[in-house]
Protein backbone atom coordinates (compact mmCIF):
# COMPACT_ATOMS: atom_id res chain seq x y z
CA MET A 1 -9.79 42.19 14.30
CA THR A 2 -6.84 44.02 11.98
CA GLY A 3 -6.34 47.86 12.00
CA PRO A 4 -8.12 49.84 9.35
CA LEU A 5 -6.76 48.92 6.00
CA ALA A 6 -7.50 52.34 4.84
CA ASP A 7 -4.58 53.30 6.34
CA ARG A 8 -2.66 50.82 4.21
CA THR A 9 -3.83 51.56 0.89
CA THR A 10 -3.11 54.94 -1.40
CA LEU A 11 -6.87 55.57 -1.59
CA GLY A 12 -7.35 55.54 2.24
CA VAL A 13 -10.73 54.23 2.91
CA GLY A 14 -11.72 50.79 3.51
CA GLY A 15 -12.05 48.66 7.15
CA PRO A 16 -10.16 46.14 8.92
CA ALA A 17 -9.08 42.37 8.14
CA ARG A 18 -9.70 39.27 10.38
CA ARG A 19 -5.79 38.46 10.19
CA ASP A 20 -2.66 40.09 9.17
CA ILE A 21 0.21 38.13 8.40
CA VAL A 22 3.45 39.48 6.98
CA VAL A 23 5.33 37.15 4.61
CA THR A 24 9.07 37.83 4.25
CA GLY A 25 9.59 34.08 2.22
CA ILE A 26 8.34 30.76 0.90
CA GLN A 27 8.47 29.27 4.41
CA GLU A 28 6.09 32.10 6.16
CA LEU A 29 4.10 31.97 2.82
CA GLU A 30 3.37 27.83 3.16
CA HIS A 31 2.34 28.07 6.59
CA ALA A 32 0.41 31.37 6.24
CA VAL A 33 -2.00 29.56 3.71
CA ARG A 34 -1.83 26.45 5.27
CA ASP A 35 -3.47 28.27 8.56
CA ALA A 36 -5.56 30.03 7.08
CA ASN A 37 -7.25 27.11 5.30
CA ALA A 38 -7.29 25.42 8.59
CA GLN A 39 -9.44 28.19 9.51
CA GLY A 40 -11.64 28.60 6.66
CA LEU A 41 -10.41 32.14 6.07
CA PRO A 42 -9.70 33.41 2.47
CA LEU A 43 -6.66 34.98 1.53
CA PHE A 44 -6.07 38.47 0.48
CA VAL A 45 -2.45 39.50 -0.43
CA LEU A 46 -1.41 43.10 -0.25
CA GLY A 47 1.28 44.75 -1.84
CA GLY A 48 2.06 48.35 -2.31
CA GLY A 49 -1.98 49.11 -1.64
CA SER A 50 -1.84 51.20 -4.77
CA ASN A 51 -4.36 49.88 -6.98
CA LEU A 52 -7.19 48.79 -3.82
CA VAL A 53 -9.89 49.71 -2.80
CA VAL A 54 -11.33 48.07 0.91
CA ALA A 55 -14.84 47.85 1.90
CA ASP A 56 -15.65 50.20 4.67
CA ALA A 57 -16.68 46.78 6.80
CA GLY A 58 -13.32 45.81 5.59
CA VAL A 59 -12.48 41.86 4.58
CA PRO A 60 -13.88 38.74 6.33
CA GLY A 61 -10.70 37.17 6.35
CA CYS A 62 -6.52 36.58 6.20
CA VAL A 63 -4.79 39.08 4.49
CA LEU A 64 -0.84 38.18 3.31
CA ASP A 65 1.17 41.42 3.92
CA MET A 66 3.81 40.52 0.84
CA ARG A 67 7.27 41.74 1.81
CA ILE A 68 9.72 39.19 0.14
CA ARG A 69 12.63 41.18 -0.66
CA GLY A 70 15.39 41.01 -2.70
CA VAL A 71 17.28 41.40 -6.32
CA THR A 72 19.06 39.15 -8.13
CA ARG A 73 20.58 38.54 -11.32
CA SER A 74 21.46 36.25 -14.08
CA ALA A 75 23.06 37.16 -17.50
CA SER A 76 20.96 36.64 -20.39
CA PRO A 77 22.09 34.88 -24.07
CA PRO A 78 23.31 37.99 -26.15
CA GLY A 79 21.32 39.69 -28.98
CA ARG A 80 20.52 38.13 -32.13
CA GLY A 81 23.64 38.15 -34.39
CA GLY A 82 25.41 40.68 -32.27
CA GLU A 83 22.61 43.14 -33.59
CA GLU A 84 20.72 43.57 -30.79
CA PRO A 85 21.88 44.73 -27.37
CA PRO A 86 23.16 42.24 -24.96
CA THR A 87 20.40 41.57 -22.09
CA GLU A 88 20.83 40.63 -18.05
CA THR A 89 17.92 39.09 -16.07
CA LEU A 90 16.77 41.13 -12.81
CA ILE A 91 14.92 38.62 -10.75
CA ALA A 92 12.62 40.58 -7.97
CA GLY A 93 11.09 39.86 -4.96
CA ALA A 94 7.17 40.45 -4.87
CA GLY A 95 7.55 42.28 -2.01
CA GLU A 96 10.61 44.76 -4.00
CA VAL A 97 9.10 48.85 -4.33
CA TRP A 98 8.18 48.76 -8.28
CA ASP A 99 10.02 52.67 -8.74
CA ASP A 100 13.08 51.62 -6.26
CA PHE A 101 13.49 48.61 -8.45
CA VAL A 102 12.69 50.55 -12.14
CA ALA A 103 15.50 53.36 -10.51
CA ARG A 104 18.10 50.72 -9.78
CA ALA A 105 17.52 49.17 -13.77
CA CYS A 106 18.01 52.69 -14.84
CA GLN A 107 21.03 53.19 -12.80
CA GLU A 108 22.36 50.27 -13.63
CA ASP A 109 21.67 51.32 -17.50
CA LEU A 110 19.39 48.30 -18.30
CA ALA A 111 16.14 49.55 -20.24
CA GLY A 112 13.08 48.32 -20.46
CA VAL A 113 10.92 49.53 -17.92
CA GLU A 114 12.39 53.41 -17.70
CA CYS A 115 9.00 54.66 -18.75
CA LEU A 116 7.01 53.25 -15.83
CA SER A 117 8.86 55.15 -13.61
CA GLY A 118 7.17 56.65 -10.45
CA ILE A 119 4.30 53.97 -10.85
CA PRO A 120 3.24 53.32 -7.04
CA GLY A 121 3.27 49.65 -5.73
CA SER A 122 4.84 46.75 -5.61
CA VAL A 123 6.98 44.26 -8.39
CA GLY A 124 4.46 41.48 -6.85
CA ALA A 125 1.01 43.54 -8.74
CA THR A 126 3.17 44.07 -11.90
CA PRO A 127 2.40 41.26 -13.78
CA ILE A 128 -1.39 40.68 -12.43
CA GLN A 129 -2.10 43.92 -13.84
CA ASN A 130 0.03 44.18 -17.11
CA VAL A 131 1.36 47.49 -15.18
CA GLY A 132 1.93 49.97 -18.35
CA ALA A 133 2.41 53.65 -19.02
CA TYR A 134 4.01 56.42 -21.37
CA GLY A 135 4.19 53.52 -24.11
CA GLN A 136 5.88 50.67 -21.91
CA GLU A 137 4.26 47.64 -20.13
CA VAL A 138 5.32 44.90 -17.94
CA ALA A 139 4.40 42.15 -20.45
CA GLU A 140 7.34 43.49 -22.95
CA THR A 141 10.34 42.33 -20.49
CA ILE A 142 8.71 39.91 -17.69
CA ARG A 143 10.46 36.48 -18.80
CA TRP A 144 9.11 34.48 -16.08
CA VAL A 145 6.55 34.74 -13.02
CA GLU A 146 7.18 32.30 -9.87
CA ALA A 147 3.96 32.37 -8.12
CA PHE A 148 2.24 30.11 -5.16
CA ASP A 149 -0.73 27.89 -6.52
CA LEU A 150 -3.28 27.76 -4.00
CA GLU A 151 -5.39 25.22 -5.90
CA ARG A 152 -2.50 22.85 -5.71
CA GLN A 153 -0.35 24.09 -2.87
CA ARG A 154 2.26 24.30 -4.12
CA LEU A 155 4.97 27.02 -5.76
CA GLU A 156 4.97 27.26 -9.92
CA HIS A 157 7.37 28.75 -12.30
CA ILE A 158 5.14 30.14 -15.16
CA PRO A 159 7.00 31.24 -18.70
CA ALA A 160 6.02 34.99 -19.79
CA GLU A 161 4.13 33.35 -22.88
CA ALA A 162 1.69 31.27 -20.67
CA CYS A 163 0.96 34.45 -18.36
CA GLU A 164 -1.65 35.79 -20.79
CA PHE A 165 -0.89 39.00 -21.26
CA ALA A 166 -2.99 41.58 -22.46
CA TYR A 167 -4.49 45.46 -22.28
CA ARG A 168 -3.97 46.03 -18.18
CA SER A 169 -5.01 42.20 -17.80
CA SER A 170 -3.11 38.49 -16.90
CA ARG A 171 -4.72 35.30 -16.11
CA PHE A 172 -3.75 36.48 -12.21
CA LYS A 173 -6.41 39.15 -12.59
CA HIS A 174 -8.82 37.24 -14.85
CA ARG A 175 -9.14 33.61 -15.74
CA GLU A 176 -7.13 32.22 -12.46
CA ALA A 177 -7.96 35.92 -10.10
CA GLY A 178 -7.31 34.67 -6.43
CA ARG A 179 -5.77 31.46 -7.20
CA TRP A 180 -2.41 32.82 -7.23
CA VAL A 181 0.66 34.64 -4.93
CA VAL A 182 3.27 36.18 -6.61
CA THR A 183 6.50 35.69 -5.52
CA ARG A 184 9.12 36.83 -7.52
CA VAL A 185 9.15 38.13 -10.79
CA ALA A 186 12.67 37.92 -13.43
CA PHE A 187 12.74 41.02 -15.95
CA GLU A 188 14.62 40.66 -19.33
CA LEU A 189 16.36 44.30 -19.79
CA LYS A 190 19.03 45.38 -22.51
CA ARG A 191 22.06 46.66 -21.34
CA GLY A 192 23.00 49.95 -22.72
CA GLY A 193 19.71 49.96 -24.70
CA GLU A 194 18.12 53.44 -25.63
CA PRO A 195 14.50 54.09 -23.09
CA THR A 196 11.73 53.68 -25.09
CA LEU A 197 10.04 57.05 -26.81
CA ASN A 198 6.84 56.18 -28.70
CA TYR A 199 3.95 57.93 -26.75
CA SER A 200 3.91 60.94 -28.37
CA GLU A 201 3.47 63.56 -24.65
CA LEU A 202 6.87 62.03 -23.83
CA GLN A 203 8.64 62.13 -26.99
CA ARG A 204 7.49 65.63 -27.16
CA ALA A 205 9.17 66.43 -23.61
CA ALA A 206 12.03 64.22 -24.80
CA GLU A 207 12.96 66.52 -27.14
CA ALA A 208 14.36 69.20 -24.67
CA LEU A 209 16.74 66.95 -23.05
CA PRO A 210 20.24 67.28 -23.21
CA SER A 211 20.58 63.73 -22.63
CA ARG A 212 18.35 61.26 -23.37
CA SER A 213 20.05 58.71 -21.22
CA LEU A 214 17.94 55.68 -18.87
CA SER A 215 18.16 58.05 -16.16
CA ALA A 216 17.30 61.53 -18.00
CA VAL A 217 14.12 59.90 -19.15
CA ARG A 218 13.31 58.22 -15.65
CA ASP A 219 13.54 61.59 -14.30
CA LEU A 220 11.31 63.20 -17.60
CA VAL A 221 8.69 60.73 -16.62
CA ILE A 222 8.56 61.55 -12.91
CA GLN A 223 8.41 65.08 -13.72
CA LEU A 224 4.87 64.10 -15.89
CA ARG A 225 3.45 61.78 -13.92
CA ARG A 226 4.12 64.58 -10.45
CA GLY A 227 2.41 67.06 -13.16
CA LYS A 228 -0.76 64.63 -13.13
CA SER A 229 -0.71 63.59 -9.14
CA MET A 230 0.10 60.50 -10.37
CA VAL A 231 2.93 59.89 -7.86
CA LEU A 232 3.14 59.65 -4.52
CA ASP A 233 2.79 63.09 -2.67
CA PRO A 234 1.97 63.69 0.85
CA THR A 235 1.35 66.99 0.04
CA ASP A 236 -0.70 66.95 -3.15
CA PRO A 237 -4.50 67.73 -2.41
CA ASN A 238 -4.82 64.73 -4.96
CA ARG A 239 -3.06 61.94 -3.44
CA ARG A 240 -5.33 59.72 -1.70
CA SER A 241 -6.57 57.71 -5.29
CA CYS A 242 -5.61 54.48 -7.19
CA GLY A 243 -4.07 56.57 -10.31
CA SER A 244 -6.09 56.01 -12.77
CA PHE A 245 -9.56 54.03 -12.20
CA PHE A 246 -10.50 53.50 -15.26
CA THR A 247 -8.51 51.55 -18.04
CA ASN A 248 -9.02 53.03 -21.72
CA PRO A 249 -11.43 51.29 -22.86
CA VAL A 250 -10.55 48.72 -25.81
CA VAL A 251 -13.71 48.97 -28.74
CA THR A 252 -14.40 47.78 -32.34
CA ASP A 253 -13.17 50.40 -35.20
CA ALA A 254 -16.86 50.99 -35.77
CA VAL A 255 -17.48 51.96 -32.25
CA ALA A 256 -14.40 54.35 -32.35
CA ALA A 257 -15.94 55.95 -36.01
CA ARG A 258 -19.64 56.33 -34.15
CA VAL A 259 -17.66 58.34 -31.31
CA ALA A 260 -15.45 60.40 -33.63
CA SER A 261 -18.73 60.96 -35.24
CA ALA A 262 -20.74 61.76 -32.23
CA ALA A 263 -17.87 64.57 -31.17
CA SER A 264 -17.86 66.44 -34.48
CA ALA A 265 -21.45 66.79 -34.46
CA ARG A 266 -20.77 68.27 -30.91
CA GLY A 267 -18.05 70.25 -32.22
CA LEU A 268 -15.70 68.47 -29.74
CA GLY A 269 -13.24 67.70 -31.96
CA SER A 270 -11.69 64.18 -32.82
CA PRO A 271 -11.10 61.99 -30.17
CA PRO A 272 -8.04 60.04 -29.50
CA SER A 273 -8.37 56.66 -30.94
CA PHE A 274 -5.39 54.28 -31.87
CA PRO A 275 -5.61 51.12 -33.80
CA GLN A 276 -5.26 48.16 -31.64
CA GLY A 277 -5.21 45.42 -34.80
CA ASN A 278 -8.25 43.23 -35.80
CA GLY A 279 -10.57 45.97 -36.10
CA MET A 280 -10.45 47.42 -32.90
CA SER A 281 -9.18 50.57 -31.40
CA LYS A 282 -8.18 52.33 -27.83
CA LEU A 283 -10.06 55.22 -27.23
CA SER A 284 -8.83 58.14 -23.95
CA ALA A 285 -11.10 57.37 -21.00
CA GLY A 286 -10.20 60.33 -19.87
CA TRP A 287 -11.45 62.42 -22.85
CA LEU A 288 -14.48 60.59 -22.57
CA ILE A 289 -14.78 61.32 -18.79
CA GLU A 290 -14.25 65.31 -19.22
CA ARG A 291 -16.88 65.21 -23.20
CA ALA A 292 -19.21 63.86 -20.54
CA GLY A 293 -19.71 67.02 -18.68
CA LEU A 294 -17.37 65.97 -15.76
CA SER A 295 -14.46 68.02 -15.46
CA LYS A 296 -11.27 67.56 -13.76
CA GLY A 297 -11.60 68.75 -10.36
CA THR A 298 -15.64 67.41 -10.53
CA ARG A 299 -16.84 66.68 -6.44
CA GLN A 300 -19.69 64.24 -5.47
CA GLY A 301 -19.51 64.71 -1.31
CA ALA A 302 -15.85 63.40 -0.74
CA VAL A 303 -15.10 62.35 -3.31
CA GLY A 304 -14.29 63.74 -6.71
CA LEU A 305 -12.22 63.23 -10.25
CA SER A 306 -8.51 64.56 -9.65
CA SER A 307 -8.27 68.16 -10.35
CA ARG A 308 -5.02 67.36 -12.70
CA HIS A 309 -6.38 64.48 -13.93
CA ALA A 310 -9.81 63.22 -14.65
CA LEU A 311 -8.94 59.10 -14.91
CA ALA A 312 -8.16 60.03 -11.21
CA LEU A 313 -10.74 59.59 -8.89
CA VAL A 314 -9.47 60.97 -5.47
CA ALA A 315 -10.94 60.58 -1.63
CA HIS A 316 -10.95 63.81 0.24
CA ASP A 317 -11.06 63.90 4.24
CA GLU A 318 -14.20 62.13 5.32
CA ALA A 319 -14.78 60.48 2.20
CA THR A 320 -15.78 56.29 2.45
CA ALA A 321 -15.34 53.21 0.54
CA GLU A 322 -19.14 53.45 -0.37
CA ASP A 323 -18.62 57.02 -1.86
CA VAL A 324 -16.07 56.23 -3.98
CA VAL A 325 -18.30 52.96 -5.16
CA ARG A 326 -21.20 55.59 -5.95
CA PHE A 327 -19.16 58.94 -7.88
CA ALA A 328 -17.27 55.48 -9.95
CA TRP A 329 -20.85 54.38 -11.45
CA ARG A 330 -21.85 57.97 -11.70
CA VAL A 331 -18.67 58.34 -13.63
CA ARG A 332 -18.96 55.15 -15.91
CA GLY A 333 -23.23 56.26 -16.25
CA GLU A 334 -22.25 59.83 -17.85
CA VAL A 335 -20.40 58.65 -20.49
CA GLU A 336 -22.22 55.19 -21.36
CA ARG A 337 -25.30 58.02 -21.33
CA VAL A 338 -23.06 60.66 -23.48
CA TRP A 339 -20.53 58.22 -26.02
CA GLY A 340 -22.18 54.93 -25.54
CA VAL A 341 -19.07 53.19 -24.33
CA ARG A 342 -18.87 51.40 -20.52
CA LEU A 343 -16.05 52.25 -18.81
CA ILE A 344 -14.15 49.37 -17.27
CA PRO A 345 -12.24 49.78 -13.57
CA GLU A 346 -8.97 49.09 -13.02
CA PRO A 347 -8.63 48.90 -9.12
CA VAL A 348 -9.53 45.34 -7.16
CA PHE A 349 -12.29 45.37 -5.02
CA TRP A 350 -12.06 44.04 -1.59
CA GLY A 351 -15.08 43.04 0.57
CA PHE A 352 -17.91 43.87 -1.98
CA ASP A 353 -19.75 42.03 -4.27
CA VAL A 354 -18.72 42.06 -7.85
CA LEU A 355 -20.58 42.32 -10.67
CA GLU A 356 -19.32 40.88 -13.96
CA ASP A 357 -18.24 44.35 -15.90
CA GLY A 358 -16.13 45.44 -12.67
CA LEU A 359 -17.85 47.66 -10.77
CA PRO A 360 -19.69 46.48 -6.79
CA ARG A 361 -22.70 46.47 -6.36
CA LEU A 362 -24.67 49.56 -4.64
């Protein structure tokens, strides 16, 4: 058995695994997969551990600790008709630290990921979740994903259009969850491109910037995230979390209108709502949580909401994975009771019996 996986996740809960194999290259990955299959052990892929809840009993399988490193580049075709900035493709190993990759892109004046600064985790996790924040998501810049197919036992090169990217989702997370081990990701970035400033909070904050360079916007994003305890900071009392625990719900326009009417009747003003097209709207999960009576800092034993961000569930000292799941059920239950909207969790759950709507069975 390994040591507790709690020590390798940002949430800080969870028991051991049967085995742990460090993977630094494709050959090691192939050997590890064959070895685990021969022993009948299920595989669990560990990156930065920032979007993961591990059961207190741990997992009865083999953890692949992905440490495939390196960043290479290839030139991309110039912009159409010379009107768009030229692009450059950076190809990053799955084990690269995501924020280090973003910092490098900004330093090299390559636009497209600057708003994703400060997000914990590894490069390999970004296409699985279609990581996004402050008006950007990786689906906008990913050109292809290289991944090992555990069913066919071979390495595959998957173009972006085949990844089935959607809001915080991809084929790797849902339809084919557990089938793929991401090894490299290619990002097509714009050399000398302008930073993306289409998220209202970031737009307002950027008005005070003397320069809107990529690095300046990156620093601003990190500052905003730090104010919400959404960066790794060992001194922050809200540090043990998965970041946003629930996705912002995408609902029909009719449901959004019903929520708005109910909010108005309660004197709560207009809930944030963002049109998604095709008769759908995206609501703010944080707004729904707080207006369901769960304010920032609400606690249930050793688990609670962050004192700075209602979407983050924080595991305080002595918290267990079961405590986290129980509190998550409470949060979702209150939101559904008050607003009639069911929240979907963002993290991956290991060692649990996970129900179809995303939360583990209690």
